[in-house]
């Protein structure tokens, strides 16, 4: 991994850490618990980045399909009279 992907993975890990702490009210008992959770979140961020980089085409196709279905669903929705 080059430096840019490591930095992006760390930022994604920080975002996962913040989301985890907002959704689940975690009580930490010591610095080791915070460090283990933070390192785990960084690992998840780096794995997610590697997954997206490897399979970017499938994410692009899936996003286009979902966007098309959302557009069709909003277009065919009845307007209140």
C-alpha atoms as a PDB file:
ATOM      1  CA  UNK A   1       0.000   0.000   0.000  1.00  0.00           C
ATOM      2  CA  UNK A   2       1.282   3.409  -0.800  1.00  0.00           C
ATOM      3  CA  UNK A   3       1.078   6.416   1.481  1.00  0.00           C
ATOM      4  CA  UNK A   4      -2.105   7.883   0.032  1.00  0.00           C
ATOM      5  CA  UNK A   5      -4.108   4.708   0.541  1.00  0.00           C
ATOM      6  CA  UNK A   6      -2.827   4.404   4.110  1.00  0.00           C
ATOM      7  CA  UNK A   7      -3.949   7.955   4.892  1.00  0.00           C
ATOM      8  CA  UNK A   8      -7.362   7.338   3.285  1.00  0.00           C
ATOM      9  CA  UNK A   9      -7.684   4.100   5.268  1.00  0.00           C
ATOM     10  CA  UNK A  10      -6.844   5.935   8.491  1.00  0.00           C
ATOM     11  CA  UNK A  11      -9.449   8.598   7.750  1.00  0.00           C
ATOM     12  CA  UNK A  12     -12.050   5.901   7.023  1.00  0.00           C
ATOM     13  CA  UNK A  13     -11.050   4.189  10.271  1.00  0.00           C
ATOM     14  CA  UNK A  14     -11.539   7.432  12.170  1.00  0.00           C
ATOM     15  CA  UNK A  15     -14.984   7.840  10.609  1.00  0.00           C
ATOM     16  CA  UNK A  16     -15.907   4.252  11.566  1.00  0.00           C
ATOM     17  CA  UNK A  17     -14.639   4.899  15.120  1.00  0.00           C
ATOM     18  CA  UNK A  18     -16.766   8.052  15.480  1.00  0.00           C
ATOM     19  CA  UNK A  19     -19.860   6.332  14.044  1.00  0.00           C
ATOM     20  CA  UNK A  20     -19.353   3.352  16.348  1.00  0.00           C
ATOM     21  CA  UNK A  21     -19.103   5.594  19.397  1.00  0.00           C
ATOM     22  CA  UNK A  22     -22.155   7.650  18.388  1.00  0.00           C
ATOM     23  CA  UNK A  23     -24.435   4.660  17.752  1.00  0.00           C
ATOM     24  CA  UNK A  24     -23.263   2.479  20.626  1.00  0.00           C
ATOM     25  CA  UNK A  25     -22.572   4.149  23.958  1.00  0.00           C
ATOM     26  CA  UNK A  26     -19.295   2.388  24.777  1.00  0.00           C
ATOM     27  CA  UNK A  27     -17.648   2.672  28.186  1.00  0.00           C
ATOM     28  CA  UNK A  28     -13.899   2.170  27.922  1.00  0.00           C
ATOM     29  CA  UNK A  29     -11.869   0.766  30.810  1.00  0.00           C
ATOM     30  CA  UNK A  30      -8.372   2.023  30.175  1.00  0.00           C
ATOM     31  CA  UNK A  31      -6.265   3.128  27.270  1.00  0.00           C
ATOM     32  CA  UNK A  32      -5.830  -0.406  25.908  1.00  0.00           C
ATOM     33  CA  UNK A  33      -9.558  -0.672  25.224  1.00  0.00           C
ATOM     34  CA  UNK A  34      -9.638   2.622  23.339  1.00  0.00           C
ATOM     35  CA  UNK A  35      -6.517   1.662  21.404  1.00  0.00           C
ATOM     36  CA  UNK A  36      -7.850  -1.786  20.487  1.00  0.00           C
ATOM     37  CA  UNK A  37     -11.152  -0.322  19.281  1.00  0.00           C
ATOM     38  CA  UNK A  38      -9.385   2.403  17.301  1.00  0.00           C
ATOM     39  CA  UNK A  39      -6.955  -0.052  15.694  1.00  0.00           C
ATOM     40  CA  UNK A  40      -9.853  -2.367  14.839  1.00  0.00           C
ATOM     41  CA  UNK A  41     -11.738   0.506  13.211  1.00  0.00           C
ATOM     42  CA  UNK A  42      -8.638   1.491  11.206  1.00  0.00           C
ATOM     43  CA  UNK A  43      -8.273  -2.092  10.038  1.00  0.00           C
ATOM     44  CA  UNK A  44     -11.915  -2.114   8.924  1.00  0.00           C
ATOM     45  CA  UNK A  45     -11.343   1.178   7.061  1.00  0.00           C
ATOM     46  CA  UNK A  46      -8.273  -0.144   5.252  1.00  0.00           C
ATOM     47  CA  UNK A  47      -9.993  -3.422   4.310  1.00  0.00           C
ATOM     48  CA  UNK A  48     -13.026  -1.489   3.043  1.00  0.00           C
ATOM     49  CA  UNK A  49     -10.758   0.750   0.967  1.00  0.00           C
ATOM     50  CA  UNK A  50      -8.953  -2.255  -0.531  1.00  0.00           C
ATOM     51  CA  UNK A  51     -12.306  -3.891  -1.313  1.00  0.00           C
ATOM     52  CA  UNK A  52     -13.661  -0.775  -3.040  1.00  0.00           C
ATOM     53  CA  UNK A  53     -10.449  -0.250  -5.017  1.00  0.00           C
ATOM     54  CA  UNK A  54     -10.428  -3.880  -6.147  1.00  0.00           C
ATOM     55  CA  UNK A  55     -14.098  -4.055  -7.124  1.00  0.00           C
ATOM     56  CA  UNK A  56     -14.728  -0.432  -8.161  1.00  0.00           C
ATOM     57  CA  UNK A  57     -16.510  -1.467 -11.365  1.00  0.00           C
ATOM     58  CA  UNK A  58     -19.159  -3.437  -9.459  1.00  0.00           C
ATOM     59  CA  UNK A  59     -19.754  -0.513  -7.100  1.00  0.00           C
ATOM     60  CA  UNK A  60     -20.183   1.775 -10.111  1.00  0.00           C
ATOM     61  CA  UNK A  61     -22.656  -0.593 -11.808  1.00  0.00           C
ATOM     62  CA  UNK A  62     -24.589  -1.185  -8.560  1.00  0.00           C
ATOM     63  CA  UNK A  63     -24.783   2.550  -7.881  1.00  0.00           C
ATOM     64  CA  UNK A  64     -26.059   3.206 -11.400  1.00  0.00           C
ATOM     65  CA  UNK A  65     -28.737   0.509 -11.051  1.00  0.00           C
ATOM     66  CA  UNK A  66     -29.873   1.785  -7.652  1.00  0.00           C
ATOM     67  CA  UNK A  67     -29.915   5.391  -8.896  1.00  0.00           C
ATOM     68  CA  UNK A  68     -31.984   4.355 -11.912  1.00  0.00           C
ATOM     69  CA  UNK A  69     -34.486   2.496  -9.740  1.00  0.00           C
ATOM     70  CA  UNK A  70     -34.795   5.471  -7.367  1.00  0.00           C
ATOM     71  CA  UNK A  71     -35.358   7.783 -10.343  1.00  0.00           C
ATOM     72  CA  UNK A  72     -38.040   5.510 -11.784  1.00  0.00           C
ATOM     73  CA  UNK A  73     -39.709   5.175  -8.391  1.00  0.00           C
ATOM     74  CA  UNK A  74     -39.890   8.935  -7.896  1.00  0.00           C
ATOM     75  CA  UNK A  75     -41.070   9.551 -11.449  1.00  0.00           C
ATOM     76  CA  UNK A  76     -43.991   7.120 -11.212  1.00  0.00           C
ATOM     77  CA  UNK A  77     -45.106   8.339  -7.790  1.00  0.00           C
ATOM     78  CA  UNK A  78     -48.593   9.823  -7.695  1.00  0.00           C
ATOM     79  CA  UNK A  79     -48.819  13.526  -7.092  1.00  0.00           C
ATOM     80  CA  UNK A  80     -51.270  14.619  -4.369  1.00  0.00           C
ATOM     81  CA  UNK A  81     -54.285  16.413  -5.812  1.00  0.00           C
END
